[in-house]
All heavy atoms as atom14 arrays in JSON, in Angstrom:
{
  "sequence": "NLNPILYKENQAAFLTDVIAHEISHLLVWQLFGKVAPHGIQWQTIMV",
  "atom14_mask": [
    [1, 1, 1, 1, 1, 1, 1, 1, 0, 0, 0, 0, 0, 0],
    [1, 1, 1, 1, 1, 1, 1, 1, 0, 0, 0, 0, 0, 0],
    [1, 1, 1, 1, 1, 1, 1, 1, 0, 0, 0, 0, 0, 0],
    [1, 1, 1, 1, 1, 1, 1, 0, 0, 0, 0, 0, 0, 0],
    [1, 1, 1, 1, 1, 1, 1, 1, 0, 0, 0, 0, 0, 0],
    [1, 1, 1, 1, 1, 1, 1, 1, 0, 0, 0, 0, 0, 0],
    [1, 1, 1, 1, 1, 1, 1, 1, 1, 1, 1, 1, 0, 0],
    [1, 1, 1, 1, 1, 1, 1, 1, 1, 0, 0, 0, 0, 0],
    [1, 1, 1, 1, 1, 1, 1, 1, 1, 0, 0, 0, 0, 0],
    [1, 1, 1, 1, 1, 1, 1, 1, 0, 0, 0, 0, 0, 0],
    [1, 1, 1, 1, 1, 1, 1, 1, 1, 0, 0, 0, 0, 0],
    [1, 1, 1, 1, 1, 0, 0, 0, 0, 0, 0, 0, 0, 0],
    [1, 1, 1, 1, 1, 0, 0, 0, 0, 0, 0, 0, 0, 0],
    [1, 1, 1, 1, 1, 1, 1, 1, 1, 1, 1, 0, 0, 0],
    [1, 1, 1, 1, 1, 1, 1, 1, 0, 0, 0, 0, 0, 0],
    [1, 1, 1, 1, 1, 1, 1, 0, 0, 0, 0, 0, 0, 0],
    [1, 1, 1, 1, 1, 1, 1, 1, 0, 0, 0, 0, 0, 0],
    [1, 1, 1, 1, 1, 1, 1, 0, 0, 0, 0, 0, 0, 0],
    [1, 1, 1, 1, 1, 1, 1, 1, 0, 0, 0, 0, 0, 0],
    [1, 1, 1, 1, 1, 0, 0, 0, 0, 0, 0, 0, 0, 0],
    [1, 1, 1, 1, 1, 1, 1, 1, 1, 1, 0, 0, 0, 0],
    [1, 1, 1, 1, 1, 1, 1, 1, 1, 0, 0, 0, 0, 0],
    [1, 1, 1, 1, 1, 1, 1, 1, 0, 0, 0, 0, 0, 0],
    [1, 1, 1, 1, 1, 1, 0, 0, 0, 0, 0, 0, 0, 0],
    [1, 1, 1, 1, 1, 1, 1, 1, 1, 1, 0, 0, 0, 0],
    [1, 1, 1, 1, 1, 1, 1, 1, 0, 0, 0, 0, 0, 0],
    [1, 1, 1, 1, 1, 1, 1, 1, 0, 0, 0, 0, 0, 0],
    [1, 1, 1, 1, 1, 1, 1, 0, 0, 0, 0, 0, 0, 0],
    [1, 1, 1, 1, 1, 1, 1, 1, 1, 1, 1, 1, 1, 1],
    [1, 1, 1, 1, 1, 1, 1, 1, 1, 0, 0, 0, 0, 0],
    [1, 1, 1, 1, 1, 1, 1, 1, 0, 0, 0, 0, 0, 0],
    [1, 1, 1, 1, 1, 1, 1, 1, 1, 1, 1, 0, 0, 0],
    [1, 1, 1, 1, 0, 0, 0, 0, 0, 0, 0, 0, 0, 0],
    [1, 1, 1, 1, 1, 1, 1, 1, 1, 0, 0, 0, 0, 0],
    [1, 1, 1, 1, 1, 1, 1, 0, 0, 0, 0, 0, 0, 0],
    [1, 1, 1, 1, 1, 0, 0, 0, 0, 0, 0, 0, 0, 0],
    [1, 1, 1, 1, 1, 1, 1, 0, 0, 0, 0, 0, 0, 0],
    [1, 1, 1, 1, 1, 1, 1, 1, 1, 1, 0, 0, 0, 0],
    [1, 1, 1, 1, 0, 0, 0, 0, 0, 0, 0, 0, 0, 0],
    [1, 1, 1, 1, 1, 1, 1, 1, 0, 0, 0, 0, 0, 0],
    [1, 1, 1, 1, 1, 1, 1, 1, 1, 0, 0, 0, 0, 0],
    [1, 1, 1, 1, 1, 1, 1, 1, 1, 1, 1, 1, 1, 1],
    [1, 1, 1, 1, 1, 1, 1, 1, 1, 0, 0, 0, 0, 0],
    [1, 1, 1, 1, 1, 1, 1, 0, 0, 0, 0, 0, 0, 0],
    [1, 1, 1, 1, 1, 1, 1, 1, 0, 0, 0, 0, 0, 0],
    [1, 1, 1, 1, 1, 1, 1, 1, 0, 0, 0, 0, 0, 0],
    [1, 1, 1, 1, 1, 1, 1, 0, 0, 0, 0, 0, 0, 0]
  ],
  "atom14_positions": [
    [[0.86, -1.18, 0.0], [0.0, -0.01, 0.01], [0.89, 1.22, 0.01], [1.85, 1.3, 0.77], [-0.89, 0.01, 1.23], [-1.82, 1.22, 1.21], [-2.61, 1.38, 0.27], [-1.7, 2.09, 2.19], [0.0, 0.0, 0.0], [0.0, 0.0, 0.0], [0.0, 0.0, 0.0], [0.0, 0.0, 0.0], [0.0, 0.0, 0.0], [0.0, 0.0, 0.0]],
    [[0.59, 2.17, -0.87], [1.33, 3.44, -0.96], [0.41, 4.6, -0.64], [-0.76, 4.6, -1.01], [1.93, 3.61, -2.36], [2.89, 2.49, -2.79], [3.26, 2.65, -4.25], [4.11, 2.46, -1.91], [0.0, 0.0, 0.0], [0.0, 0.0, 0.0], [0.0, 0.0, 0.0], [0.0, 0.0, 0.0], [0.0, 0.0, 0.0], [0.0, 0.0, 0.0]],
    [[0.97, 5.57, 0.08], [0.21, 6.75, 0.45], [0.07, 7.63, -0.8], [1.08, 8.15, -1.29], [0.93, 7.5, 1.56], [0.16, 8.65, 2.11], [-0.38, 9.46, 1.36], [0.13, 8.78, 3.43], [0.0, 0.0, 0.0], [0.0, 0.0, 0.0], [0.0, 0.0, 0.0], [0.0, 0.0, 0.0], [0.0, 0.0, 0.0], [0.0, 0.0, 0.0]],
    [[-1.14, 7.84, -1.32], [-1.28, 8.55, -2.58], [-0.86, 10.03, -2.51], [-0.33, 10.56, -3.49], [-2.78, 8.43, -2.91], [-3.44, 8.16, -1.61], [-2.4, 7.4, -0.78], [0.0, 0.0, 0.0], [0.0, 0.0, 0.0], [0.0, 0.0, 0.0], [0.0, 0.0, 0.0], [0.0, 0.0, 0.0], [0.0, 0.0, 0.0], [0.0, 0.0, 0.0]],
    [[-1.04, 10.67, -1.36], [-0.68, 12.08, -1.24], [0.84, 12.2, -1.24], [1.4, 13.03, -1.96], [-1.3, 12.69, 0.03], [-2.82, 12.67, -0.11], [-0.78, 14.1, 0.24], [-3.55, 12.99, 1.18], [0.0, 0.0, 0.0], [0.0, 0.0, 0.0], [0.0, 0.0, 0.0], [0.0, 0.0, 0.0], [0.0, 0.0, 0.0], [0.0, 0.0, 0.0]],
    [[1.51, 11.37, -0.44], [2.99, 11.44, -0.38], [3.57, 10.99, -1.74], [4.6, 11.53, -2.14], [3.51, 10.59, 0.76], [3.2, 11.11, 2.16], [3.75, 10.17, 3.21], [3.77, 12.51, 2.36], [0.0, 0.0, 0.0], [0.0, 0.0, 0.0], [0.0, 0.0, 0.0], [0.0, 0.0, 0.0], [0.0, 0.0, 0.0], [0.0, 0.0, 0.0]],
    [[2.95, 10.04, -2.38], [3.43, 9.63, -3.73], [3.36, 10.78, -4.71], [4.31, 11.03, -5.43], [2.63, 8.44, -4.21], [2.98, 8.05, -5.64], [4.2, 7.47, -5.96], [2.09, 8.31, -6.69], [4.54, 7.17, -7.26], [2.44, 8.01, -8.0], [3.64, 7.43, -8.28], [3.98, 7.14, -9.55], [0.0, 0.0, 0.0], [0.0, 0.0, 0.0]],
    [[2.23, 11.46, -4.71], [2.07, 12.57, -5.66], [3.13, 13.64, -5.43], [3.64, 14.23, -6.37], [0.67, 13.14, -5.51], [0.36, 14.25, -6.48], [-1.06, 14.78, -6.28], [-1.33, 15.93, -7.2], [-2.65, 16.51, -6.98], [0.0, 0.0, 0.0], [0.0, 0.0, 0.0], [0.0, 0.0, 0.0], [0.0, 0.0, 0.0], [0.0, 0.0, 0.0]],
    [[3.47, 13.89, -4.15], [4.43, 14.95, -3.82], [5.87, 14.52, -3.91], [6.75, 15.37, -3.9], [4.13, 15.46, -2.4], [2.79, 16.12, -2.25], [2.45, 16.52, -0.82], [3.19, 16.12, 0.11], [1.43, 17.2, -0.63], [0.0, 0.0, 0.0], [0.0, 0.0, 0.0], [0.0, 0.0, 0.0], [0.0, 0.0, 0.0], [0.0, 0.0, 0.0]],
    [[6.15, 13.21, -3.99], [7.53, 12.69, -3.92], [7.74, 11.52, -4.88], [8.36, 10.52, -4.51], [7.85, 12.24, -2.49], [7.57, 13.3, -1.46], [8.39, 14.21, -1.27], [6.44, 13.22, -0.79], [0.0, 0.0, 0.0], [0.0, 0.0, 0.0], [0.0, 0.0, 0.0], [0.0, 0.0, 0.0], [0.0, 0.0, 0.0], [0.0, 0.0, 0.0]],
    [[7.26, 11.64, -6.1], [7.3, 10.51, -7.01], [8.69, 9.94, -7.25], [8.89, 8.72, -7.25], [6.65, 10.88, -8.34], [5.16, 10.99, -8.24], [4.5, 11.26, -9.6], [5.02, 10.88, -10.62], [3.35, 11.89, -9.55], [0.0, 0.0, 0.0], [0.0, 0.0, 0.0], [0.0, 0.0, 0.0], [0.0, 0.0, 0.0], [0.0, 0.0, 0.0]],
    [[9.65, 10.81, -7.44], [11.02, 10.3, -7.72], [11.54, 9.47, -6.56], [12.12, 8.38, -6.77], [11.95, 11.49, -7.99], [0.0, 0.0, 0.0], [0.0, 0.0, 0.0], [0.0, 0.0, 0.0], [0.0, 0.0, 0.0], [0.0, 0.0, 0.0], [0.0, 0.0, 0.0], [0.0, 0.0, 0.0], [0.0, 0.0, 0.0], [0.0, 0.0, 0.0]],
    [[11.36, 9.94, -5.33], [11.84, 9.2, -4.16], [11.07, 7.9, -4.0], [11.63, 6.89, -3.53], [11.72, 10.05, -2.92], [0.0, 0.0, 0.0], [0.0, 0.0, 0.0], [0.0, 0.0, 0.0], [0.0, 0.0, 0.0], [0.0, 0.0, 0.0], [0.0, 0.0, 0.0], [0.0, 0.0, 0.0], [0.0, 0.0, 0.0], [0.0, 0.0, 0.0]],
    [[9.81, 7.87, -4.34], [9.04, 6.63, -4.27], [9.64, 5.61, -5.21], [9.81, 4.43, -4.87], [7.56, 6.87, -4.59], [6.72, 7.11, -3.38], [6.79, 8.28, -2.68], [5.83, 6.14, -2.93], [6.01, 8.5, -1.57], [5.05, 6.34, -1.82], [5.14, 7.53, -1.13], [0.0, 0.0, 0.0], [0.0, 0.0, 0.0], [0.0, 0.0, 0.0]],
    [[9.96, 6.05, -6.43], [10.5, 5.12, -7.44], [11.89, 4.65, -7.1], [12.28, 3.53, -7.45], [10.46, 5.76, -8.81], [9.04, 6.08, -9.32], [9.1, 6.81, -10.65], [8.17, 4.85, -9.42], [0.0, 0.0, 0.0], [0.0, 0.0, 0.0], [0.0, 0.0, 0.0], [0.0, 0.0, 0.0], [0.0, 0.0, 0.0], [0.0, 0.0, 0.0]],
    [[12.69, 5.46, -6.39], [14.07, 5.05, -6.1], [14.18, 4.37, -4.73], [15.04, 3.5, -4.57], [15.04, 6.25, -6.13], [14.59, 7.24, -5.19], [15.12, 6.83, -7.51], [0.0, 0.0, 0.0], [0.0, 0.0, 0.0], [0.0, 0.0, 0.0], [0.0, 0.0, 0.0], [0.0, 0.0, 0.0], [0.0, 0.0, 0.0], [0.0, 0.0, 0.0]],
    [[13.35, 4.74, -3.75], [13.53, 4.24, -2.38], [12.35, 3.5, -1.79], [12.49, 2.4, -1.31], [13.88, 5.4, -1.44], [15.2, 6.09, -1.79], [16.0, 5.48, -2.52], [15.4, 7.21, -1.36], [0.0, 0.0, 0.0], [0.0, 0.0, 0.0], [0.0, 0.0, 0.0], [0.0, 0.0, 0.0], [0.0, 0.0, 0.0], [0.0, 0.0, 0.0]],
    [[11.18, 4.13, -1.8], [10.03, 3.59, -1.07], [9.59, 2.23, -1.6], [9.35, 1.31, -0.84], [8.84, 4.6, -1.06], [7.62, 3.99, -0.4], [9.26, 5.89, -0.37], [0.0, 0.0, 0.0], [0.0, 0.0, 0.0], [0.0, 0.0, 0.0], [0.0, 0.0, 0.0], [0.0, 0.0, 0.0], [0.0, 0.0, 0.0], [0.0, 0.0, 0.0]],
    [[9.48, 2.11, -2.91], [9.03, 0.86, -3.5], [10.05, -0.25, -3.24], [9.68, -1.38, -2.86], [8.7, 1.02, -4.99], [7.52, 2.01, -5.13], [8.38, -0.32, -5.64], [7.22, 2.42, -6.53], [0.0, 0.0, 0.0], [0.0, 0.0, 0.0], [0.0, 0.0, 0.0], [0.0, 0.0, 0.0], [0.0, 0.0, 0.0], [0.0, 0.0, 0.0]],
    [[11.32, 0.04, -3.34], [12.37, -0.93, -3.01], [12.26, -1.34, -1.54], [12.44, -2.51, -1.2], [13.73, -0.36, -3.35], [0.0, 0.0, 0.0], [0.0, 0.0, 0.0], [0.0, 0.0, 0.0], [0.0, 0.0, 0.0], [0.0, 0.0, 0.0], [0.0, 0.0, 0.0], [0.0, 0.0, 0.0], [0.0, 0.0, 0.0], [0.0, 0.0, 0.0]],
    [[12.0, -0.39, -0.67], [11.88, -0.62, 0.75], [10.76, -1.66, 1.01], [10.95, -2.64, 1.71], [11.57, 0.7, 1.46], [11.36, 0.6, 2.95], [12.17, 1.25, 3.83], [10.42, -0.05, 3.68], [11.74, 0.98, 5.06], [10.67, 0.22, 4.99], [0.0, 0.0, 0.0], [0.0, 0.0, 0.0], [0.0, 0.0, 0.0], [0.0, 0.0, 0.0]],
    [[9.59, -1.41, 0.42], [8.45, -2.3, 0.64], [8.63, -3.65, -0.02], [8.28, -4.7, 0.55], [7.16, -1.61, 0.21], [6.87, -0.31, 0.89], [6.94, -0.34, 2.42], [6.72, -1.42, 3.02], [7.23, 0.73, 3.01], [0.0, 0.0, 0.0], [0.0, 0.0, 0.0], [0.0, 0.0, 0.0], [0.0, 0.0, 0.0], [0.0, 0.0, 0.0]],
    [[9.17, -3.66, -1.21], [9.43, -4.94, -1.89], [10.43, -5.76, -1.09], [10.31, -6.99, -0.97], [9.9, -4.72, -3.34], [8.75, -4.25, -4.23], [10.53, -6.0, -3.92], [9.11, -3.89, -5.62], [0.0, 0.0, 0.0], [0.0, 0.0, 0.0], [0.0, 0.0, 0.0], [0.0, 0.0, 0.0], [0.0, 0.0, 0.0], [0.0, 0.0, 0.0]],
    [[11.42, -5.11, -0.51], [12.4, -5.81, 0.34], [11.7, -6.53, 1.49], [12.07, -7.65, 1.83], [13.45, -4.85, 0.85], [14.24, -4.37, -0.2], [0.0, 0.0, 0.0], [0.0, 0.0, 0.0], [0.0, 0.0, 0.0], [0.0, 0.0, 0.0], [0.0, 0.0, 0.0], [0.0, 0.0, 0.0], [0.0, 0.0, 0.0], [0.0, 0.0, 0.0]],
    [[10.7, -5.89, 2.09], [9.94, -6.56, 3.16], [9.26, -7.83, 2.64], [9.3, -8.88, 3.29], [8.87, -5.61, 3.75], [9.41, -4.56, 4.65], [10.14, -4.86, 5.79], [9.3, -3.21, 4.61], [10.45, -3.74, 6.41], [9.99, -2.72, 5.71], [0.0, 0.0, 0.0], [0.0, 0.0, 0.0], [0.0, 0.0, 0.0], [0.0, 0.0, 0.0]],
    [[8.64, -7.73, 1.46], [7.97, -8.9, 0.91], [8.96, -10.0, 0.59], [8.71, -11.19, 0.85], [7.21, -8.5, -0.35], [6.04, -7.51, -0.18], [5.41, -7.19, -1.51], [5.01, -8.04, 0.81], [0.0, 0.0, 0.0], [0.0, 0.0, 0.0], [0.0, 0.0, 0.0], [0.0, 0.0, 0.0], [0.0, 0.0, 0.0], [0.0, 0.0, 0.0]],
    [[10.1, -9.64, 0.03], [11.11, -10.66, -0.33], [11.65, -11.35, 0.93], [11.82, -12.57, 0.95], [12.23, -10.03, -1.12], [11.87, -9.49, -2.52], [13.05, -8.76, -3.15], [11.37, -10.6, -3.41], [0.0, 0.0, 0.0], [0.0, 0.0, 0.0], [0.0, 0.0, 0.0], [0.0, 0.0, 0.0], [0.0, 0.0, 0.0], [0.0, 0.0, 0.0]],
    [[11.94, -10.56, 1.96], [12.42, -11.14, 3.23], [11.42, -12.13, 3.76], [11.77, -13.23, 4.21], [12.74, -10.03, 4.25], [12.94, -10.63, 5.63], [13.98, -9.27, 3.83], [0.0, 0.0, 0.0], [0.0, 0.0, 0.0], [0.0, 0.0, 0.0], [0.0, 0.0, 0.0], [0.0, 0.0, 0.0], [0.0, 0.0, 0.0], [0.0, 0.0, 0.0]],
    [[10.15, -11.78, 3.75], [9.1, -12.68, 4.24], [9.09, -13.99, 3.44], [9.02, -15.06, 3.98], [7.74, -11.97, 4.14], [6.57, -12.86, 4.42], [5.69, -13.37, 3.51], [6.13, -13.34, 5.7], [4.72, -14.14, 4.12], [4.98, -14.12, 5.48], [6.58, -13.16, 7.01], [4.28, -14.74, 6.51], [5.89, -13.77, 8.03], [4.76, -14.56, 7.78]],
    [[9.18, -13.87, 2.11], [9.13, -15.06, 1.26], [10.41, -15.91, 1.35], [10.33, -17.14, 1.23], [8.88, -14.63, -0.19], [7.48, -14.06, -0.36], [7.3, -13.27, -1.65], [8.15, -13.28, -2.52], [6.16, -12.59, -1.76], [0.0, 0.0, 0.0], [0.0, 0.0, 0.0], [0.0, 0.0, 0.0], [0.0, 0.0, 0.0], [0.0, 0.0, 0.0]],
    [[11.53, -15.27, 1.64], [12.78, -16.03, 1.73], [13.07, -16.56, 3.13], [13.6, -17.66, 3.28], [13.94, -15.13, 1.3], [14.03, -14.77, -0.17], [14.99, -13.6, -0.38], [14.49, -15.99, -0.98], [0.0, 0.0, 0.0], [0.0, 0.0, 0.0], [0.0, 0.0, 0.0], [0.0, 0.0, 0.0], [0.0, 0.0, 0.0], [0.0, 0.0, 0.0]],
    [[12.74, -15.79, 4.15], [13.19, -16.12, 5.52], [12.07, -16.28, 6.53], [12.33, -16.67, 7.67], [14.16, -15.04, 6.03], [15.32, -14.79, 5.11], [15.34, -13.64, 4.32], [16.34, -15.69, 5.0], [16.4, -13.43, 3.45], [17.42, -15.44, 4.15], [17.45, -14.32, 3.37], [0.0, 0.0, 0.0], [0.0, 0.0, 0.0], [0.0, 0.0, 0.0]],
    [[10.83, -15.92, 6.16], [9.74, -15.99, 7.11], [9.8, -14.83, 8.09], [10.26, -13.74, 7.76], [0.0, 0.0, 0.0], [0.0, 0.0, 0.0], [0.0, 0.0, 0.0], [0.0, 0.0, 0.0], [0.0, 0.0, 0.0], [0.0, 0.0, 0.0], [0.0, 0.0, 0.0], [0.0, 0.0, 0.0], [0.0, 0.0, 0.0], [0.0, 0.0, 0.0]],
    [[9.35, -15.07, 9.3], [9.23, -14.0, 10.29], [10.6, -13.69, 10.88], [11.18, -14.52, 11.61], [8.28, -14.4, 11.39], [7.97, -13.32, 12.38], [6.92, -13.73, 13.38], [6.66, -12.57, 14.33], [5.6, -12.89, 15.29], [0.0, 0.0, 0.0], [0.0, 0.0, 0.0], [0.0, 0.0, 0.0], [0.0, 0.0, 0.0], [0.0, 0.0, 0.0]],
    [[11.11, -12.53, 10.59], [12.38, -12.01, 11.13], [12.17, -10.53, 11.47], [11.11, -9.96, 11.19], [13.56, -12.17, 10.14], [13.83, -13.64, 9.85], [13.29, -11.42, 8.85], [0.0, 0.0, 0.0], [0.0, 0.0, 0.0], [0.0, 0.0, 0.0], [0.0, 0.0, 0.0], [0.0, 0.0, 0.0], [0.0, 0.0, 0.0], [0.0, 0.0, 0.0]],
    [[13.16, -9.9, 12.05], [13.06, -8.47, 12.39], [12.76, -7.66, 11.14], [13.39, -7.85, 10.09], [14.38, -8.01, 13.02], [0.0, 0.0, 0.0], [0.0, 0.0, 0.0], [0.0, 0.0, 0.0], [0.0, 0.0, 0.0], [0.0, 0.0, 0.0], [0.0, 0.0, 0.0], [0.0, 0.0, 0.0], [0.0, 0.0, 0.0], [0.0, 0.0, 0.0]],
    [[11.79, -6.72, 11.23], [11.36, -5.99, 10.03], [12.47, -5.27, 9.28], [12.45, -5.26, 8.06], [10.35, -4.97, 10.61], [9.9, -5.54, 11.89], [11.04, -6.36, 12.41], [0.0, 0.0, 0.0], [0.0, 0.0, 0.0], [0.0, 0.0, 0.0], [0.0, 0.0, 0.0], [0.0, 0.0, 0.0], [0.0, 0.0, 0.0], [0.0, 0.0, 0.0]],
    [[13.4, -4.66, 9.96], [14.5, -3.96, 9.31], [15.84, -4.57, 9.72], [16.83, -3.88, 9.86], [14.45, -2.45, 9.65], [13.22, -1.78, 9.13], [12.26, -1.25, 9.98], [12.78, -1.57, 7.87], [11.29, -0.75, 9.24], [11.57, -0.93, 7.97], [0.0, 0.0, 0.0], [0.0, 0.0, 0.0], [0.0, 0.0, 0.0], [0.0, 0.0, 0.0]],
    [[15.8, -5.89, 9.87], [17.0, -6.63, 10.29], [18.01, -6.81, 9.17], [17.91, -6.25, 8.08], [0.0, 0.0, 0.0], [0.0, 0.0, 0.0], [0.0, 0.0, 0.0], [0.0, 0.0, 0.0], [0.0, 0.0, 0.0], [0.0, 0.0, 0.0], [0.0, 0.0, 0.0], [0.0, 0.0, 0.0], [0.0, 0.0, 0.0], [0.0, 0.0, 0.0]],
    [[18.98, -7.65, 9.45], [20.11, -7.84, 8.5], [19.66, -8.37, 7.16], [20.21, -7.99, 6.11], [21.21, -8.73, 9.15], [22.49, -8.71, 8.32], [20.7, -10.15, 9.35], [23.18, -7.37, 8.32], [0.0, 0.0, 0.0], [0.0, 0.0, 0.0], [0.0, 0.0, 0.0], [0.0, 0.0, 0.0], [0.0, 0.0, 0.0], [0.0, 0.0, 0.0]],
    [[18.64, -9.22, 7.12], [18.16, -9.75, 5.84], [17.59, -8.62, 4.99], [17.9, -8.52, 3.78], [17.1, -10.84, 6.06], [17.58, -12.04, 6.83], [17.36, -11.91, 8.34], [17.13, -10.83, 8.88], [17.46, -13.05, 9.03], [0.0, 0.0, 0.0], [0.0, 0.0, 0.0], [0.0, 0.0, 0.0], [0.0, 0.0, 0.0], [0.0, 0.0, 0.0]],
    [[16.78, -7.81, 5.59], [16.17, -6.66, 4.88], [17.25, -5.69, 4.42], [17.25, -5.23, 3.27], [15.13, -5.98, 5.78], [14.49, -4.76, 5.15], [13.41, -4.77, 4.32], [14.88, -3.43, 5.29], [13.13, -3.49, 3.95], [14.02, -2.65, 4.54], [15.92, -2.77, 6.01], [14.14, -1.25, 4.47], [16.04, -1.41, 5.94], [15.15, -0.66, 5.15]],
    [[18.18, -5.37, 5.3], [19.25, -4.43, 4.96], [20.11, -4.97, 3.82], [20.5, -4.21, 2.92], [20.12, -4.17, 6.19], [19.41, -3.41, 7.28], [20.25, -3.28, 8.53], [21.46, -3.15, 8.47], [19.6, -3.34, 9.7], [0.0, 0.0, 0.0], [0.0, 0.0, 0.0], [0.0, 0.0, 0.0], [0.0, 0.0, 0.0], [0.0, 0.0, 0.0]],
    [[20.37, -6.24, 3.85], [21.18, -6.86, 2.79], [20.49, -6.76, 1.45], [21.13, -6.43, 0.42], [21.48, -8.34, 3.14], [22.19, -8.36, 4.37], [22.31, -9.0, 2.03], [0.0, 0.0, 0.0], [0.0, 0.0, 0.0], [0.0, 0.0, 0.0], [0.0, 0.0, 0.0], [0.0, 0.0, 0.0], [0.0, 0.0, 0.0], [0.0, 0.0, 0.0]],
    [[19.21, -7.01, 1.38], [18.47, -6.91, 0.14], [18.47, -5.47, -0.35], [18.71, -5.21, -1.54], [17.03, -7.46, 0.27], [17.1, -8.99, 0.44], [16.18, -7.07, -0.93], [15.76, -9.64, 0.74], [0.0, 0.0, 0.0], [0.0, 0.0, 0.0], [0.0, 0.0, 0.0], [0.0, 0.0, 0.0], [0.0, 0.0, 0.0], [0.0, 0.0, 0.0]],
    [[18.23, -4.52, 0.54], [18.25, -3.11, 0.15], [19.59, -2.74, -0.5], [19.62, -2.09, -1.54], [17.96, -2.22, 1.35], [16.53, -2.25, 1.86], [15.38, -1.45, 0.77], [15.75, 0.28, 1.09], [0.0, 0.0, 0.0], [0.0, 0.0, 0.0], [0.0, 0.0, 0.0], [0.0, 0.0, 0.0], [0.0, 0.0, 0.0], [0.0, 0.0, 0.0]],
    [[20.68, -3.15, 0.15], [22.01, -2.71, -0.32], [22.51, -3.55, -1.5], [22.91, -3.01, -2.53], [23.02, -2.77, 0.85], [24.43, -2.5, 0.36], [22.64, -1.75, 1.92], [0.0, 0.0, 0.0], [0.0, 0.0, 0.0], [0.0, 0.0, 0.0], [0.0, 0.0, 0.0], [0.0, 0.0, 0.0], [0.0, 0.0, 0.0], [0.0, 0.0, 0.0]]
  ]
}
């Protein structure tokens, strides 16, 4: 889910950061199951 008001005001940052941030959460869940939300697995995928 994306905040439509913040998306409208910050489209470039959404495309470079926010969507990657949220997709990383989904990937971590699918790869590792329940782990810390912004833990090492999530950080590794982001970087």
